PDB file of all heavy atoms in Angstrom:
ATOM      1  N   ASP A   1     233.538 -29.711 103.747  1.00  0.00           N
ATOM      2  CA  ASP A   1     234.002 -28.368 103.441  1.00  0.00           C
ATOM      3  C   ASP A   1     233.508 -27.971 102.016  1.00  0.00           C
ATOM      4  O   ASP A   1     234.022 -28.576 101.047  1.00  0.00           O
ATOM      5  CB  ASP A   1     235.587 -28.310 103.494  1.00  0.00           C
ATOM      6  CG  ASP A   1     236.085 -26.855 103.274  1.00  0.00           C
ATOM      7  OD1 ASP A   1     235.271 -25.957 103.368  1.00  0.00           O
ATOM      8  OD2 ASP A   1     237.234 -26.725 102.895  1.00  0.00           O
ATOM      9  N   PRO A   2     232.526 -27.107 101.887  1.00  0.00           N
ATOM     10  CA  PRO A   2     231.933 -26.290 102.949  1.00  0.00           C
ATOM     11  C   PRO A   2     230.978 -27.108 103.851  1.00  0.00           C
ATOM     12  O   PRO A   2     230.515 -28.192 103.401  1.00  0.00           O
ATOM     13  CB  PRO A   2     231.133 -25.300 102.152  1.00  0.00           C
ATOM     14  CG  PRO A   2     230.785 -25.968 100.891  1.00  0.00           C
ATOM     15  CD  PRO A   2     232.035 -26.772 100.564  1.00  0.00           C
ATOM     16  N   PRO A   3     230.689 -26.721 105.041  1.00  0.00           N
ATOM     17  CA  PRO A   3     229.822 -27.472 105.902  1.00  0.00           C
ATOM     18  C   PRO A   3     228.378 -27.496 105.517  1.00  0.00           C
ATOM     19  O   PRO A   3     227.632 -28.488 105.888  1.00  0.00           O
ATOM     20  CB  PRO A   3     229.988 -26.789 107.323  1.00  0.00           C
ATOM     21  CG  PRO A   3     230.362 -25.414 106.949  1.00  0.00           C
ATOM     22  CD  PRO A   3     231.172 -25.429 105.684  1.00  0.00           C
ATOM     23  N   CYS A   4     227.931 -26.527 104.824  1.00  0.00           N
ATOM     24  CA  CYS A   4     226.511 -26.493 104.414  1.00  0.00           C
ATOM     25  C   CYS A   4     226.355 -25.549 103.238  1.00  0.00           C
ATOM     26  O   CYS A   4     227.318 -24.837 102.846  1.00  0.00           O
ATOM     27  CB  CYS A   4     225.692 -25.973 105.649  1.00  0.00           C
ATOM     28  SG  CYS A   4     225.980 -24.273 106.031  1.00  0.00           S
ATOM     29  N   GLY A   5     225.207 -25.575 102.662  1.00  0.00           N
ATOM     30  CA  GLY A   5     224.863 -24.704 101.544  1.00  0.00           C
ATOM     31  C   GLY A   5     223.370 -24.426 101.534  1.00  0.00           C
ATOM     32  O   GLY A   5     222.626 -25.214 102.074  1.00  0.00           O
ATOM     33  N   GLN A   6     222.953 -23.294 100.999  1.00  0.00           N
ATOM     34  CA  GLN A   6     221.597 -22.927 100.994  1.00  0.00           C
ATOM     35  C   GLN A   6     220.889 -23.692  99.857  1.00  0.00           C
ATOM     36  O   GLN A   6     221.315 -23.760  98.757  1.00  0.00           O
ATOM     37  CB  GLN A   6     221.399 -21.409 100.810  1.00  0.00           C
ATOM     38  CG  GLN A   6     219.970 -20.970 101.083  1.00  0.00           C
ATOM     39  CD  GLN A   6     219.789 -19.457 101.179  1.00  0.00           C
ATOM     40  OE1 GLN A   6     220.589 -18.742 100.595  1.00  0.00           O
ATOM     41  NE2 GLN A   6     218.846 -19.047 101.939  1.00  0.00           N
ATOM     42  N   ALA A   7     219.763 -24.249 100.258  1.00  0.00           N
ATOM     43  CA  ALA A   7     218.988 -25.105  99.304  1.00  0.00           C
ATOM     44  C   ALA A   7     218.532 -24.237  98.154  1.00  0.00           C
ATOM     45  O   ALA A   7     218.221 -23.006  98.312  1.00  0.00           O
ATOM     46  CB  ALA A   7     217.847 -25.767 100.021  1.00  0.00           C
ATOM     47  N   ALA A   8     218.440 -24.864  96.977  1.00  0.00           N
ATOM     48  CA  ALA A   8     217.925 -24.114  95.785  1.00  0.00           C
ATOM     49  C   ALA A   8     216.477 -23.821  95.867  1.00  0.00           C
ATOM     50  O   ALA A   8     215.961 -22.976  95.159  1.00  0.00           O
ATOM     51  CB  ALA A   8     218.181 -25.009  94.521  1.00  0.00           C
ATOM     52  N   SER A   9     215.775 -24.435  96.772  1.00  0.00           N
ATOM     53  CA  SER A   9     214.331 -24.281  96.897  1.00  0.00           C
ATOM     54  C   SER A   9     213.915 -24.671  98.335  1.00  0.00           C
ATOM     55  O   SER A   9     214.605 -25.356  99.006  1.00  0.00           O
ATOM     56  CB  SER A   9     213.614 -25.206  95.886  1.00  0.00           C
ATOM     57  OG  SER A   9     212.270 -25.310  96.053  1.00  0.00           O
ATOM     58  N   MET A  10     212.716 -24.234  98.701  1.00  0.00           N
ATOM     59  CA  MET A  10     212.172 -24.720  99.976  1.00  0.00           C
ATOM     60  C   MET A  10     211.375 -25.963  99.749  1.00  0.00           C
ATOM     61  O   MET A  10     210.758 -26.503 100.754  1.00  0.00           O
ATOM     62  CB  MET A  10     211.306 -23.586 100.635  1.00  0.00           C
ATOM     63  CG  MET A  10     210.153 -23.152  99.765  1.00  0.00           C
ATOM     64  SD  MET A  10     209.255 -21.802 100.673  1.00  0.00           S
ATOM     65  CE  MET A  10     208.194 -21.182  99.366  1.00  0.00           C
ATOM     66  N   GLU A  11     211.344 -26.536  98.595  1.00  0.00           N
ATOM     67  CA  GLU A  11     210.549 -27.761  98.312  1.00  0.00           C
ATOM     68  C   GLU A  11     211.280 -28.943  98.897  1.00  0.00           C
ATOM     69  O   GLU A  11     212.533 -29.038  98.816  1.00  0.00           O
ATOM     70  CB  GLU A  11     210.399 -27.905  96.786  1.00  0.00           C
ATOM     71  CG  GLU A  11     209.256 -27.110  96.239  1.00  0.00           C
ATOM     72  CD  GLU A  11     207.884 -27.704  96.612  1.00  0.00           C
ATOM     73  OE1 GLU A  11     207.609 -28.901  96.262  1.00  0.00           O
ATOM     74  OE2 GLU A  11     207.118 -27.046  97.261  1.00  0.00           O
ATOM     75  N   PRO A  12     210.483 -29.977  99.291  1.00  0.00           N
ATOM     76  CA  PRO A  12     211.150 -31.289  99.682  1.00  0.00           C
ATOM     77  C   PRO A  12     211.650 -32.012  98.518  1.00  0.00           C
ATOM     78  O   PRO A  12     211.336 -31.656  97.263  1.00  0.00           O
ATOM     79  CB  PRO A  12     209.975 -32.033 100.324  1.00  0.00           C
ATOM     80  CG  PRO A  12     208.919 -31.002 100.632  1.00  0.00           C
ATOM     81  CD  PRO A  12     209.154 -29.913  99.590  1.00  0.00           C
ATOM     82  N   CYS A  13     212.481 -33.016  98.774  1.00  0.00           N
ATOM     83  CA  CYS A  13     213.060 -33.880  97.739  1.00  0.00           C
ATOM     84  C   CYS A  13     212.224 -35.108  97.564  1.00  0.00           C
ATOM     85  O   CYS A  13     211.764 -35.723  98.546  1.00  0.00           O
ATOM     86  CB  CYS A  13     214.477 -34.234  98.084  1.00  0.00           C
ATOM     87  SG  CYS A  13     215.294 -35.224  96.811  1.00  0.00           S
ATOM     88  N   PHE A  14     212.043 -35.560  96.297  1.00  0.00           N
ATOM     89  CA  PHE A  14     211.360 -36.831  96.019  1.00  0.00           C
ATOM     90  C   PHE A  14     212.527 -37.825  95.799  1.00  0.00           C
ATOM     91  O   PHE A  14     213.235 -37.808  94.860  1.00  0.00           O
ATOM     92  CB  PHE A  14     210.503 -36.669  94.744  1.00  0.00           C
ATOM     93  CG  PHE A  14     209.914 -37.957  94.223  1.00  0.00           C
ATOM     94  CD1 PHE A  14     209.776 -39.079  94.970  1.00  0.00           C
ATOM     95  CD2 PHE A  14     209.485 -37.961  92.875  1.00  0.00           C
ATOM     96  CE1 PHE A  14     209.169 -40.209  94.433  1.00  0.00           C
ATOM     97  CE2 PHE A  14     208.919 -39.117  92.385  1.00  0.00           C
ATOM     98  CZ  PHE A  14     208.764 -40.243  93.132  1.00  0.00           C
ATOM     99  N   PHE A  15     212.647 -38.782  96.686  1.00  0.00           N
ATOM    100  CA  PHE A  15     213.787 -39.675  96.717  1.00  0.00           C
ATOM    101  C   PHE A  15     213.781 -40.765  95.692  1.00  0.00           C
ATOM    102  O   PHE A  15     214.788 -41.372  95.442  1.00  0.00           O
ATOM    103  CB  PHE A  15     213.914 -40.331  98.118  1.00  0.00           C
ATOM    104  CG  PHE A  15     214.294 -39.368  99.228  1.00  0.00           C
ATOM    105  CD1 PHE A  15     213.676 -39.486 100.496  1.00  0.00           C
ATOM    106  CD2 PHE A  15     215.132 -38.324  99.008  1.00  0.00           C
ATOM    107  CE1 PHE A  15     213.946 -38.639 101.521  1.00  0.00           C
ATOM    108  CE2 PHE A  15     215.466 -37.456 100.062  1.00  0.00           C
ATOM    109  CZ  PHE A  15     214.861 -37.573 101.309  1.00  0.00           C
ATOM    110  N   ALA A  16     212.596 -41.156  95.228  1.00  0.00           N
ATOM    111  CA  ALA A  16     212.466 -42.366  94.350  1.00  0.00           C
ATOM    112  C   ALA A  16     211.837 -41.948  93.037  1.00  0.00           C
ATOM    113  O   ALA A  16     210.788 -42.538  92.656  1.00  0.00           O
ATOM    114  CB  ALA A  16     211.729 -43.460  95.054  1.00  0.00           C
ATOM    115  N   ALA A  17     212.401 -41.068  92.334  1.00  0.00           N
ATOM    116  CA  ALA A  17     211.841 -40.583  91.098  1.00  0.00           C
ATOM    117  C   ALA A  17     211.909 -41.636  89.987  1.00  0.00           C
ATOM    118  O   ALA A  17     212.821 -42.439  89.982  1.00  0.00           O
ATOM    119  CB  ALA A  17     212.578 -39.302  90.680  1.00  0.00           C
ATOM    120  N   PRO A  18     210.954 -41.618  89.026  1.00  0.00           N
ATOM    121  CA  PRO A  18     211.046 -42.661  87.923  1.00  0.00           C
ATOM    122  C   PRO A  18     212.149 -42.262  86.954  1.00  0.00           C
ATOM    123  O   PRO A  18     212.408 -41.093  86.619  1.00  0.00           O
ATOM    124  CB  PRO A  18     209.684 -42.443  87.306  1.00  0.00           C
ATOM    125  CG  PRO A  18     209.307 -41.031  87.559  1.00  0.00           C
ATOM    126  CD  PRO A  18     209.831 -40.739  88.964  1.00  0.00           C
ATOM    127  N   ASN A  19     212.919 -43.277  86.513  1.00  0.00           N
ATOM    128  CA  ASN A  19     213.971 -43.041  85.474  1.00  0.00           C
ATOM    129  C   ASN A  19     213.827 -43.925  84.301  1.00  0.00           C
ATOM    130  O   ASN A  19     214.727 -44.102  83.529  1.00  0.00           O
ATOM    131  CB  ASN A  19     215.340 -43.243  86.213  1.00  0.00           C
ATOM    132  CG  ASN A  19     215.506 -44.608  86.706  1.00  0.00           C
ATOM    133  OD1 ASN A  19     214.619 -45.464  86.629  1.00  0.00           O
ATOM    134  ND2 ASN A  19     216.668 -44.868  87.309  1.00  0.00           N
ATOM    135  N   TYR A  20     212.585 -44.481  84.164  1.00  0.00           N
ATOM    136  CA  TYR A  20     212.314 -45.375  82.983  1.00  0.00           C
ATOM    137  C   TYR A  20     210.891 -45.157  82.617  1.00  0.00           C
ATOM    138  O   TYR A  20     209.987 -45.177  83.424  1.00  0.00           O
ATOM    139  CB  TYR A  20     212.542 -46.811  83.389  1.00  0.00           C
ATOM    140  CG  TYR A  20     212.434 -47.800  82.215  1.00  0.00           C
ATOM    141  CD1 TYR A  20     213.296 -47.847  81.172  1.00  0.00           C
ATOM    142  CD2 TYR A  20     211.290 -48.620  82.119  1.00  0.00           C
ATOM    143  CE1 TYR A  20     213.142 -48.674  80.120  1.00  0.00           C
ATOM    144  CE2 TYR A  20     211.087 -49.477  81.135  1.00  0.00           C
ATOM    145  CZ  TYR A  20     212.059 -49.550  80.099  1.00  0.00           C
ATOM    146  OH  TYR A  20     211.889 -50.409  78.981  1.00  0.00           O
ATOM    147  N   ASN A  21     210.696 -44.846  81.293  1.00  0.00           N
ATOM    148  CA  ASN A  21     209.320 -44.781  80.771  1.00  0.00           C
ATOM    149  C   ASN A  21     208.951 -46.076  80.151  1.00  0.00           C
ATOM    150  O   ASN A  21     209.443 -46.502  79.080  1.00  0.00           O
ATOM    151  CB  ASN A  21     209.300 -43.659  79.683  1.00  0.00           C
ATOM    152  CG  ASN A  21     207.891 -43.328  79.314  1.00  0.00           C
ATOM    153  OD1 ASN A  21     206.990 -44.294  79.140  1.00  0.00           O
ATOM    154  ND2 ASN A  21     207.589 -42.063  79.039  1.00  0.00           N
ATOM    155  N   LEU A  22     208.078 -46.810  80.850  1.00  0.00           N
ATOM    156  CA  LEU A  22     207.722 -48.198  80.476  1.00  0.00           C
ATOM    157  C   LEU A  22     206.987 -48.209  79.119  1.00  0.00           C
ATOM    158  O   LEU A  22     207.152 -49.101  78.318  1.00  0.00           O
ATOM    159  CB  LEU A  22     206.768 -48.748  81.562  1.00  0.00           C
ATOM    160  CG  LEU A  22     206.413 -50.256  81.402  1.00  0.00           C
ATOM    161  CD1 LEU A  22     207.600 -51.123  81.741  1.00  0.00           C
ATOM    162  CD2 LEU A  22     205.233 -50.560  82.341  1.00  0.00           C
ATOM    163  N   TRP A  23     206.278 -47.142  78.849  1.00  0.00           N
ATOM    164  CA  TRP A  23     205.467 -47.032  77.662  1.00  0.00           C
ATOM    165  C   TRP A  23     206.371 -46.913  76.368  1.00  0.00           C
ATOM    166  O   TRP A  23     206.142 -47.378  75.311  1.00  0.00           O
ATOM    167  CB  TRP A  23     204.364 -45.969  77.709  1.00  0.00           C
ATOM    168  CG  TRP A  23     203.691 -46.035  79.023  1.00  0.00           C
ATOM    169  CD1 TRP A  23     203.891 -45.308  80.145  1.00  0.00           C
ATOM    170  CD2 TRP A  23     202.580 -46.922  79.325  1.00  0.00           C
ATOM    171  NE1 TRP A  23     203.045 -45.706  81.133  1.00  0.00           N
ATOM    172  CE2 TRP A  23     202.251 -46.657  80.676  1.00  0.00           C
ATOM    173  CE3 TRP A  23     201.876 -47.906  78.636  1.00  0.00           C
ATOM    174  CZ2 TRP A  23     201.170 -47.369  81.259  1.00  0.00           C
ATOM    175  CZ3 TRP A  23     200.875 -48.621  79.217  1.00  0.00           C
ATOM    176  CH2 TRP A  23     200.565 -48.296  80.576  1.00  0.00           C
ATOM    177  N   LYS A  24     207.375 -46.060  76.557  1.00  0.00           N
ATOM    178  CA  LYS A  24     208.320 -45.808  75.466  1.00  0.00           C
ATOM    179  C   LYS A  24     209.516 -46.686  75.465  1.00  0.00           C
ATOM    180  O   LYS A  24     210.400 -46.551  74.627  1.00  0.00           O
ATOM    181  CB  LYS A  24     208.718 -44.352  75.493  1.00  0.00           C
ATOM    182  CG  LYS A  24     207.553 -43.354  75.301  1.00  0.00           C
ATOM    183  CD  LYS A  24     208.046 -41.915  75.339  1.00  0.00           C
ATOM    184  CE  LYS A  24     206.895 -40.988  75.091  1.00  0.00           C
ATOM    185  NZ  LYS A  24     207.311 -39.527  75.155  1.00  0.00           N
ATOM    186  N   LYS A  25     209.599 -47.560  76.482  1.00  0.00           N
ATOM    187  CA  LYS A  25     210.767 -48.488  76.677  1.00  0.00           C
ATOM    188  C   LYS A  25     212.061 -47.619  76.609  1.00  0.00           C
ATOM    189  O   LYS A  25     213.052 -47.919  75.989  1.00  0.00           O
ATOM    190  CB  LYS A  25     210.859 -49.472  75.521  1.00  0.00           C
ATOM    191  CG  LYS A  25     209.595 -50.268  75.313  1.00  0.00           C
ATOM    192  CD  LYS A  25     209.189 -51.188  76.471  1.00  0.00           C
ATOM    193  CE  LYS A  25     207.944 -51.990  76.269  1.00  0.00           C
ATOM    194  NZ  LYS A  25     207.546 -52.676  77.401  1.00  0.00           N
ATOM    195  N   GLN A  26     212.039 -46.607  77.439  1.00  0.00           N
ATOM    196  CA  GLN A  26     213.212 -45.615  77.381  1.00  0.00           C
ATOM    197  C   GLN A  26     213.642 -45.250  78.802  1.00  0.00           C
ATOM    198  O   GLN A  26     212.884 -44.853  79.624  1.00  0.00           O
ATOM    199  CB  GLN A  26     212.678 -44.367  76.661  1.00  0.00           C
ATOM    200  CG  GLN A  26     213.633 -43.272  76.522  1.00  0.00           C
ATOM    201  CD  GLN A  26     213.043 -42.030  75.914  1.00  0.00           C
ATOM    202  OE1 GLN A  26     211.823 -41.904  75.804  1.00  0.00           O
ATOM    203  NE2 GLN A  26     213.877 -41.138  75.422  1.00  0.00           N
ATOM    204  N   TRP A  27     214.988 -45.323  79.007  1.00  0.00           N
ATOM    205  CA  TRP A  27     215.659 -44.799  80.178  1.00  0.00           C
ATOM    206  C   TRP A  27     215.790 -43.271  79.993  1.00  0.00           C
ATOM    207  O   TRP A  27     216.019 -42.831  78.882  1.00  0.00           O
ATOM    208  CB  TRP A  27     217.006 -45.450  80.414  1.00  0.00           C
ATOM    209  CG  TRP A  27     216.859 -46.935  80.762  1.00  0.00           C
ATOM    210  CD1 TRP A  27     216.997 -48.010  79.893  1.00  0.00           C
ATOM    211  CD2 TRP A  27     216.657 -47.519  82.082  1.00  0.00           C
ATOM    212  NE1 TRP A  27     216.834 -49.166  80.602  1.00  0.00           N
ATOM    213  CE2 TRP A  27     216.641 -48.905  81.941  1.00  0.00           C
ATOM    214  CE3 TRP A  27     216.477 -46.929  83.333  1.00  0.00           C
ATOM    215  CZ2 TRP A  27     216.400 -49.746  82.938  1.00  0.00           C
ATOM    216  CZ3 TRP A  27     216.242 -47.776  84.439  1.00  0.00           C
ATOM    217  CH2 TRP A  27     216.250 -49.163  84.256  1.00  0.00           C
ATOM    218  N   LEU A  28     215.690 -42.610  81.140  1.00  0.00           N
ATOM    219  CA  LEU A  28     215.755 -41.145  80.973  1.00  0.00           C
ATOM    220  C   LEU A  28     216.266 -40.545  82.262  1.00  0.00           C
ATOM    221  O   LEU A  28     216.156 -41.115  83.363  1.00  0.00           O
ATOM    222  CB  LEU A  28     214.433 -40.535  80.582  1.00  0.00           C
ATOM    223  CG  LEU A  28     213.394 -40.404  81.637  1.00  0.00           C
ATOM    224  CD1 LEU A  28     212.295 -39.346  81.201  1.00  0.00           C
ATOM    225  CD2 LEU A  28     212.686 -41.694  81.949  1.00  0.00           C
ATOM    226  N   ASP A  29     216.710 -39.293  82.191  1.00  0.00           N
ATOM    227  CA  ASP A  29     217.044 -38.484  83.343  1.00  0.00           C
ATOM    228  C   ASP A  29     215.812 -37.583  83.587  1.00  0.00           C
ATOM    229  O   ASP A  29     215.567 -36.634  82.888  1.00  0.00           O
ATOM    230  CB  ASP A  29     218.271 -37.644  83.031  1.00  0.00           C
ATOM    231  CG  ASP A  29     218.689 -36.715  84.193  1.00  0.00           C
ATOM    232  OD1 ASP A  29     217.943 -36.729  85.275  1.00  0.00           O
ATOM    233  OD2 ASP A  29     219.694 -36.025  84.123  1.00  0.00           O
ATOM    234  N   PRO A  30     215.084 -37.918  84.668  1.00  0.00           N
ATOM    235  CA  PRO A  30     213.856 -37.095  84.869  1.00  0.00           C
ATOM    236  C   PRO A  30     214.090 -35.635  85.106  1.00  0.00           C
ATOM    237  O   PRO A  30     213.161 -34.823  85.010  1.00  0.00           O
ATOM    238  CB  PRO A  30     213.236 -37.824  86.074  1.00  0.00           C
ATOM    239  CG  PRO A  30     214.352 -38.434  86.795  1.00  0.00           C
ATOM    240  CD  PRO A  30     215.333 -38.867  85.747  1.00  0.00           C
ATOM    241  N   SER A  31     215.333 -35.210  85.487  1.00  0.00           N
ATOM    242  CA  SER A  31     215.636 -33.779  85.770  1.00  0.00           C
ATOM    243  C   SER A  31     215.695 -33.037  84.502  1.00  0.00           C
ATOM    244  O   SER A  31     215.828 -31.750  84.511  1.00  0.00           O
ATOM    245  CB  SER A  31     216.952 -33.668  86.620  1.00  0.00           C
ATOM    246  OG  SER A  31     218.037 -34.039  85.808  1.00  0.00           O
ATOM    247  N   THR A  32     215.593 -33.670  83.317  1.00  0.00           N
ATOM    248  CA  THR A  32     215.712 -32.978  82.012  1.00  0.00           C
ATOM    249  C   THR A  32     214.305 -32.847  81.335  1.00  0.00           C
ATOM    250  O   THR A  32     214.247 -32.229  80.322  1.00  0.00           O
ATOM    251  CB  THR A  32     216.655 -33.683  81.119  1.00  0.00           C
ATOM    252  OG1 THR A  32     216.090 -35.028  80.822  1.00  0.00           O
ATOM    253  CG2 THR A  32     218.082 -33.845  81.704  1.00  0.00           C
ATOM    254  N   VAL A  33     213.265 -33.370  81.971  1.00  0.00           N
ATOM    255  CA  VAL A  33     211.934 -33.355  81.325  1.00  0.00           C
ATOM    256  C   VAL A  33     211.346 -31.997  81.283  1.00  0.00           C
ATOM    257  O   VAL A  33     210.840 -31.476  80.274  1.00  0.00           O
ATOM    258  CB  VAL A  33     211.007 -34.363  82.047  1.00  0.00           C
ATOM    259  CG1 VAL A  33     209.598 -34.290  81.409  1.00  0.00           C
ATOM    260  CG2 VAL A  33     211.586 -35.723  81.894  1.00  0.00           C
ATOM    261  N   VAL A  34     211.349 -31.248  82.416  1.00  0.00           N
ATOM    262  CA  VAL A  34     210.804 -29.927  82.481  1.00  0.00           C
ATOM    263  C   VAL A  34     211.851 -29.053  83.274  1.00  0.00           C
ATOM    264  O   VAL A  34     212.596 -29.520  84.148  1.00  0.00           O
ATOM    265  CB  VAL A  34     209.504 -29.811  83.247  1.00  0.00           C
ATOM    266  CG1 VAL A  34     208.402 -30.390  82.281  1.00  0.00           C
ATOM    267  CG2 VAL A  34     209.499 -30.574  84.545  1.00  0.00           C
ATOM    268  N   PRO A  35     211.993 -27.783  82.923  1.00  0.00           N
ATOM    269  CA  PRO A  35     213.075 -26.963  83.501  1.00  0.00           C
ATOM    270  C   PRO A  35     212.996 -26.747  85.043  1.00  0.00           C
ATOM    271  O   PRO A  35     214.059 -26.415  85.623  1.00  0.00           O
ATOM    272  CB  PRO A  35     213.012 -25.631  82.759  1.00  0.00           C
ATOM    273  CG  PRO A  35     211.612 -25.620  82.187  1.00  0.00           C
ATOM    274  CD  PRO A  35     211.223 -27.060  81.880  1.00  0.00           C
ATOM    275  N   HIS A  36     211.784 -26.865  85.573  1.00  0.00           N
ATOM    276  CA  HIS A  36     211.687 -26.530  87.049  1.00  0.00           C
ATOM    277  C   HIS A  36     211.690 -27.802  87.929  1.00  0.00           C
ATOM    278  O   HIS A  36     211.357 -27.703  89.050  1.00  0.00           O
ATOM    279  CB  HIS A  36     210.340 -25.741  87.234  1.00  0.00           C
ATOM    280  CG  HIS A  36     209.223 -26.286  86.569  1.00  0.00           C
ATOM    281  ND1 HIS A  36     208.872 -25.920  85.267  1.00  0.00           N
ATOM    282  CD2 HIS A  36     208.249 -27.202  86.916  1.00  0.00           C
ATOM    283  CE1 HIS A  36     207.775 -26.530  84.901  1.00  0.00           C
ATOM    284  NE2 HIS A  36     207.427 -27.343  85.873  1.00  0.00           N
ATOM    285  N   VAL A  37     212.038 -28.935  87.369  1.00  0.00           N
ATOM    286  CA  VAL A  37     212.290 -30.124  88.132  1.00  0.00           C
ATOM    287  C   VAL A  37     213.741 -30.507  87.956  1.00  0.00           C
ATOM    288  O   VAL A  37     214.254 -30.876  86.858  1.00  0.00           O
ATOM    289  CB  VAL A  37     211.375 -31.324  87.606  1.00  0.00           C
ATOM    290  CG1 VAL A  37     211.693 -32.550  88.365  1.00  0.00           C
ATOM    291  CG2 VAL A  37     209.892 -30.960  87.798  1.00  0.00           C
ATOM    292  N   LYS A  38     214.487 -30.488  89.115  1.00  0.00           N
ATOM    293  CA  LYS A  38     215.908 -30.677  89.024  1.00  0.00           C
ATOM    294  C   LYS A  38     216.316 -31.744  90.086  1.00  0.00           C
ATOM    295  O   LYS A  38     215.554 -32.061  90.964  1.00  0.00           O
ATOM    296  CB  LYS A  38     216.668 -29.354  89.369  1.00  0.00           C
ATOM    297  CG  LYS A  38     216.431 -28.260  88.359  1.00  0.00           C
ATOM    298  CD  LYS A  38     216.980 -28.631  86.939  1.00  0.00           C
ATOM    299  CE  LYS A  38     216.728 -27.572  85.949  1.00  0.00           C
ATOM    300  NZ  LYS A  38     217.129 -27.910  84.578  1.00  0.00           N
TER     301      LYS A  38
END
C-alpha cells in the first residue's frame, strides 16, 4: 500500500553500482556524484 508507483524514469536500473573508489580509498554514495544519477 500503495500497490504501485510511476517510475521516475523510463531508464533501467543498474543493480551493482560501485560504492568504493579504489584509487581514492574512499567509500561513497554513487547517487550523489552527479545530479541525474539517482
